[in-house]
Amino acid sequence: MLPTENRLRRRQDFATAVKRGRRAGRPLLVVHLHREAEPDGGAGRNSDSHPHVAEGLPSARAGFVVSKAVGPAVVRNAVKRRLRHLVRERLSRLPAGSLIVVRALPAAATAPYPDLEHDLDAALRRLLRSEPTGSAPTGTGR
C-alpha cells in the first residue's frame, strides 16, 4: 500500500494531473504526469492541494483509475494492487510535488506482471525526459 503522503485522493488532484499534465499511452495503461514546477502550479496553492504536507516541497503522489471495462471488481482490485506495487517502487524517481495518475486499459486485466512493469517504465521514461519546447499541456484537444 502507498503511504498516505503519496496518495492522490481528491477529485481536483486527479483532474489536475489528467488535464494539465503530460500523457504517455502504452498498450496496457496510460500515465498522466503533472509536475508541481509547471507554470500553473503556484506556490500559494500548496496548503490547499496538499493538506497533509505542513511545509517544504511535498512528495510525489499517485492515483489509479481502473474502470469497469477492465473487468469485474475482483479483477479491477487485483490490477490496482499490482499497479500500486509497481508505482510505489518508482516514486523516488518522480520529481517532488508531482502528481501521477495511472489509468489501466482493459488489456491490463490479463497482462502478466512483467508486461505491466515494462509499460509503466516506458511511459515514465517518456514523461520524465526533458520537457518539449511547447509549453501547452497535452490532451487539451479532446
C-alpha atoms as a PDB file:
ATOM      1  CA  MET A   1       0.000   0.000   0.000  1.00  0.00           C
ATOM      2  CA  LEU A   2       1.145   3.541  -0.675  1.00  0.00           C
ATOM      3  CA  PRO A   3       1.852   5.769   2.318  1.00  0.00           C
ATOM      4  CA  THR A   4      -0.752   8.486   2.933  1.00  0.00           C
ATOM      5  CA  GLU A   5       1.544  11.277   1.764  1.00  0.00           C
ATOM      6  CA  ASN A   6       1.952   9.520  -1.608  1.00  0.00           C
ATOM      7  CA  ARG A   7      -1.749   9.017  -2.409  1.00  0.00           C
ATOM      8  CA  LEU A   8      -3.961  11.060  -4.683  1.00  0.00           C
ATOM      9  CA  ARG A   9      -7.432  11.169  -3.173  1.00  0.00           C
ATOM     10  CA  ARG A  10      -9.197  14.338  -4.213  1.00  0.00           C
ATOM     11  CA  ARG A  11     -11.053  14.677  -7.494  1.00  0.00           C
ATOM     12  CA  GLN A  12      -9.341  18.032  -8.072  1.00  0.00           C
ATOM     13  CA  ASP A  13      -5.890  16.421  -7.888  1.00  0.00           C
ATOM     14  CA  PHE A  14      -6.864  13.717 -10.395  1.00  0.00           C
ATOM     15  CA  ALA A  15      -8.298  16.392 -12.694  1.00  0.00           C
ATOM     16  CA  THR A  16      -5.133  18.487 -12.437  1.00  0.00           C
ATOM     17  CA  ALA A  17      -2.904  15.551 -13.368  1.00  0.00           C
ATOM     18  CA  VAL A  18      -5.097  14.457 -16.263  1.00  0.00           C
ATOM     19  CA  LYS A  19      -5.975  17.859 -17.732  1.00  0.00           C
ATOM     20  CA  ARG A  20      -2.786  19.837 -17.129  1.00  0.00           C
ATOM     21  CA  GLY A  21      -0.142  17.132 -17.136  1.00  0.00           C
ATOM     22  CA  ARG A  22       1.639  15.250 -19.869  1.00  0.00           C
ATOM     23  CA  ARG A  23       0.325  11.908 -21.079  1.00  0.00           C
ATOM     24  CA  ALA A  24       2.067   8.743 -22.235  1.00  0.00           C
ATOM     25  CA  GLY A  25      -0.031   5.909 -23.612  1.00  0.00           C
ATOM     26  CA  ARG A  26       1.020   2.272 -23.756  1.00  0.00           C
ATOM     27  CA  PRO A  27      -0.897  -0.883 -24.749  1.00  0.00           C
ATOM     28  CA  LEU A  28      -1.793  -1.744 -21.128  1.00  0.00           C
ATOM     29  CA  LEU A  29      -2.017   1.640 -19.434  1.00  0.00           C
ATOM     30  CA  VAL A  30      -1.985   5.404 -19.793  1.00  0.00           C
ATOM     31  CA  VAL A  31       0.117   7.525 -17.435  1.00  0.00           C
ATOM     32  CA  HIS A  32      -0.548  11.206 -16.749  1.00  0.00           C
ATOM     33  CA  LEU A  33       2.170  13.242 -15.014  1.00  0.00           C
ATOM     34  CA  HIS A  34       1.822  16.799 -13.737  1.00  0.00           C
ATOM     35  CA  ARG A  35       4.922  18.416 -12.313  1.00  0.00           C
ATOM     36  CA  GLU A  36       4.419  20.909  -9.480  1.00  0.00           C
ATOM     37  CA  ALA A  37       7.086  23.158 -11.017  1.00  0.00           C
ATOM     38  CA  GLU A  38       4.920  23.714 -14.107  1.00  0.00           C
ATOM     39  CA  PRO A  39       3.614  27.267 -14.569  1.00  0.00           C
ATOM     40  CA  ASP A  40       0.077  26.522 -13.358  1.00  0.00           C
ATOM     41  CA  GLY A  41       1.303  25.060 -10.028  1.00  0.00           C
ATOM     42  CA  GLY A  42       1.601  28.190  -7.902  1.00  0.00           C
ATOM     43  CA  ALA A  43       3.340  28.147  -4.531  1.00  0.00           C
ATOM     44  CA  GLY A  44       0.277  29.655  -2.865  1.00  0.00           C
ATOM     45  CA  ARG A  45      -1.736  26.512  -3.551  1.00  0.00           C
ATOM     46  CA  ASN A  46       0.414  24.145  -1.504  1.00  0.00           C
ATOM     47  CA  SER A  47      -1.777  24.224   1.578  1.00  0.00           C
ATOM     48  CA  ASP A  48      -4.946  23.628  -0.457  1.00  0.00           C
ATOM     49  CA  SER A  49      -3.684  20.988  -2.854  1.00  0.00           C
ATOM     50  CA  HIS A  50      -1.527  19.194  -0.259  1.00  0.00           C
ATOM     51  CA  PRO A  51      -3.353  19.424   3.065  1.00  0.00           C
ATOM     52  CA  HIS A  52      -1.228  16.650   4.619  1.00  0.00           C
ATOM     53  CA  VAL A  53       2.073  18.470   3.988  1.00  0.00           C
ATOM     54  CA  ALA A  54       2.923  21.167   6.513  1.00  0.00           C
ATOM     55  CA  GLU A  55       5.975  22.811   4.943  1.00  0.00           C
ATOM     56  CA  GLY A  56       8.534  22.279   2.216  1.00  0.00           C
ATOM     57  CA  LEU A  57       8.158  20.566  -1.118  1.00  0.00           C
ATOM     58  CA  PRO A  58       5.581  17.745  -0.995  1.00  0.00           C
ATOM     59  CA  SER A  59       6.469  14.259  -2.139  1.00  0.00           C
ATOM     60  CA  ALA A  60       5.216  12.793  -5.406  1.00  0.00           C
ATOM     61  CA  ARG A  61       1.658  11.476  -5.216  1.00  0.00           C
ATOM     62  CA  ALA A  62      -0.028   8.752  -7.272  1.00  0.00           C
ATOM     63  CA  GLY A  63      -3.597   7.790  -8.095  1.00  0.00           C
ATOM     64  CA  PHE A  64      -5.114   4.957 -10.089  1.00  0.00           C
ATOM     65  CA  VAL A  65      -8.102   4.695 -12.414  1.00  0.00           C
ATOM     66  CA  VAL A  66      -9.370   1.214 -13.240  1.00  0.00           C
ATOM     67  CA  SER A  67     -12.780   1.313 -14.924  1.00  0.00           C
ATOM     68  CA  LYS A  68     -15.395  -1.411 -15.190  1.00  0.00           C
ATOM     69  CA  ALA A  69     -14.188  -2.046 -18.742  1.00  0.00           C
ATOM     70  CA  VAL A  70     -11.160  -3.784 -17.203  1.00  0.00           C
ATOM     71  CA  GLY A  71     -13.348  -6.453 -15.632  1.00  0.00           C
ATOM     72  CA  PRO A  72     -15.373  -7.335 -12.537  1.00  0.00           C
ATOM     73  CA  ALA A  73     -14.466  -5.940  -9.117  1.00  0.00           C
ATOM     74  CA  VAL A  74     -12.091  -8.763  -8.224  1.00  0.00           C
ATOM     75  CA  VAL A  75     -10.076  -8.223 -11.405  1.00  0.00           C
ATOM     76  CA  ARG A  76     -10.086  -4.421 -11.061  1.00  0.00           C
ATOM     77  CA  ASN A  77      -8.823  -4.642  -7.489  1.00  0.00           C
ATOM     78  CA  ALA A  78      -6.074  -7.077  -8.483  1.00  0.00           C
ATOM     79  CA  VAL A  79      -4.947  -4.712 -11.261  1.00  0.00           C
ATOM     80  CA  LYS A  80      -4.932  -1.774  -8.807  1.00  0.00           C
ATOM     81  CA  ARG A  81      -2.850  -3.742  -6.303  1.00  0.00           C
ATOM     82  CA  ARG A  82      -0.299  -4.652  -8.972  1.00  0.00           C
ATOM     83  CA  LEU A  83      -0.081  -1.065 -10.229  1.00  0.00           C
ATOM     84  CA  ARG A  84       0.233   0.333  -6.693  1.00  0.00           C
ATOM     85  CA  HIS A  85       3.118  -2.005  -6.024  1.00  0.00           C
ATOM     86  CA  LEU A  86       4.879  -1.005  -9.252  1.00  0.00           C
ATOM     87  CA  VAL A  87       4.376   2.724  -8.695  1.00  0.00           C
ATOM     88  CA  ARG A  88       5.483   2.575  -5.053  1.00  0.00           C
ATOM     89  CA  GLU A  89       8.874   1.255  -6.191  1.00  0.00           C
ATOM     90  CA  ARG A  90       9.222   4.134  -8.673  1.00  0.00           C
ATOM     91  CA  LEU A  91       8.046   7.132  -6.616  1.00  0.00           C
ATOM     92  CA  SER A  92      11.615   8.104  -5.767  1.00  0.00           C
ATOM     93  CA  ARG A  93      12.283   8.711  -9.496  1.00  0.00           C
ATOM     94  CA  LEU A  94       9.498  11.278  -9.764  1.00  0.00           C
ATOM     95  CA  PRO A  95      10.067  14.987  -9.149  1.00  0.00           C
ATOM     96  CA  ALA A  96       8.973  16.222  -5.723  1.00  0.00           C
ATOM     97  CA  GLY A  97       5.433  17.570  -5.753  1.00  0.00           C
ATOM     98  CA  SER A  98       4.436  15.810  -8.960  1.00  0.00           C
ATOM     99  CA  LEU A  99       1.066  14.152  -9.472  1.00  0.00           C
ATOM    100  CA  ILE A 100       0.814  10.883 -11.382  1.00  0.00           C
ATOM    101  CA  VAL A 101      -2.353   9.130 -12.490  1.00  0.00           C
ATOM    102  CA  VAL A 102      -2.125   5.608 -13.912  1.00  0.00           C
ATOM    103  CA  ARG A 103      -5.170   4.543 -15.924  1.00  0.00           C
ATOM    104  CA  ALA A 104      -5.413   0.831 -16.643  1.00  0.00           C
ATOM    105  CA  LEU A 105      -6.739  -0.245 -20.029  1.00  0.00           C
ATOM    106  CA  PRO A 106      -8.824  -3.435 -20.453  1.00  0.00           C
ATOM    107  CA  ALA A 107      -5.798  -5.439 -21.627  1.00  0.00           C
ATOM    108  CA  ALA A 108      -4.199  -4.920 -18.187  1.00  0.00           C
ATOM    109  CA  ALA A 109      -6.628  -7.443 -16.697  1.00  0.00           C
ATOM    110  CA  THR A 110      -4.905 -10.403 -18.334  1.00  0.00           C
ATOM    111  CA  ALA A 111      -1.394  -8.994 -18.679  1.00  0.00           C
ATOM    112  CA  PRO A 112       1.461 -10.643 -16.808  1.00  0.00           C
ATOM    113  CA  TYR A 113       3.249  -8.584 -14.168  1.00  0.00           C
ATOM    114  CA  PRO A 114       6.444  -8.081 -16.243  1.00  0.00           C
ATOM    115  CA  ASP A 115       4.387  -6.603 -19.100  1.00  0.00           C
ATOM    116  CA  LEU A 116       2.721  -4.106 -16.751  1.00  0.00           C
ATOM    117  CA  GLU A 117       6.141  -3.249 -15.367  1.00  0.00           C
ATOM    118  CA  HIS A 118       7.588  -2.735 -18.862  1.00  0.00           C
ATOM    119  CA  ASP A 119       4.719  -0.471 -19.968  1.00  0.00           C
ATOM    120  CA  LEU A 120       4.876   1.602 -16.787  1.00  0.00           C
ATOM    121  CA  ASP A 121       8.647   2.034 -17.070  1.00  0.00           C
ATOM    122  CA  ALA A 122       8.396   3.003 -20.738  1.00  0.00           C
ATOM    123  CA  ALA A 123       5.672   5.562 -20.021  1.00  0.00           C
ATOM    124  CA  LEU A 124       7.615   7.075 -17.117  1.00  0.00           C
ATOM    125  CA  ARG A 125      10.796   7.274 -19.198  1.00  0.00           C
ATOM    126  CA  ARG A 126       8.898   9.185 -21.859  1.00  0.00           C
ATOM    127  CA  LEU A 127       7.289  11.553 -19.354  1.00  0.00           C
ATOM    128  CA  LEU A 128      10.467  12.225 -17.402  1.00  0.00           C
ATOM    129  CA  ARG A 129      12.501  13.199 -20.454  1.00  0.00           C
ATOM    130  CA  SER A 130      13.146  16.905 -20.756  1.00  0.00           C
ATOM    131  CA  GLU A 131      10.040  18.956 -21.412  1.00  0.00           C
ATOM    132  CA  PRO A 132       9.050  19.606 -25.049  1.00  0.00           C
ATOM    133  CA  THR A 133       9.672  23.075 -26.474  1.00  0.00           C
ATOM    134  CA  GLY A 134       5.966  23.946 -26.500  1.00  0.00           C
ATOM    135  CA  SER A 135       4.592  24.601 -23.045  1.00  0.00           C
ATOM    136  CA  ALA A 136       0.990  23.711 -23.932  1.00  0.00           C
ATOM    137  CA  PRO A 137      -0.238  20.658 -21.999  1.00  0.00           C
ATOM    138  CA  THR A 138      -1.240  17.550 -23.895  1.00  0.00           C
ATOM    139  CA  GLY A 139      -4.819  16.382 -24.021  1.00  0.00           C
ATOM    140  CA  THR A 140      -6.397  19.817 -24.459  1.00  0.00           C
ATOM    141  CA  GLY A 141      -7.925  18.919 -27.820  1.00  0.00           C
ATOM    142  CA  ARG A 142     -10.285  16.240 -26.569  1.00  0.00           C
END
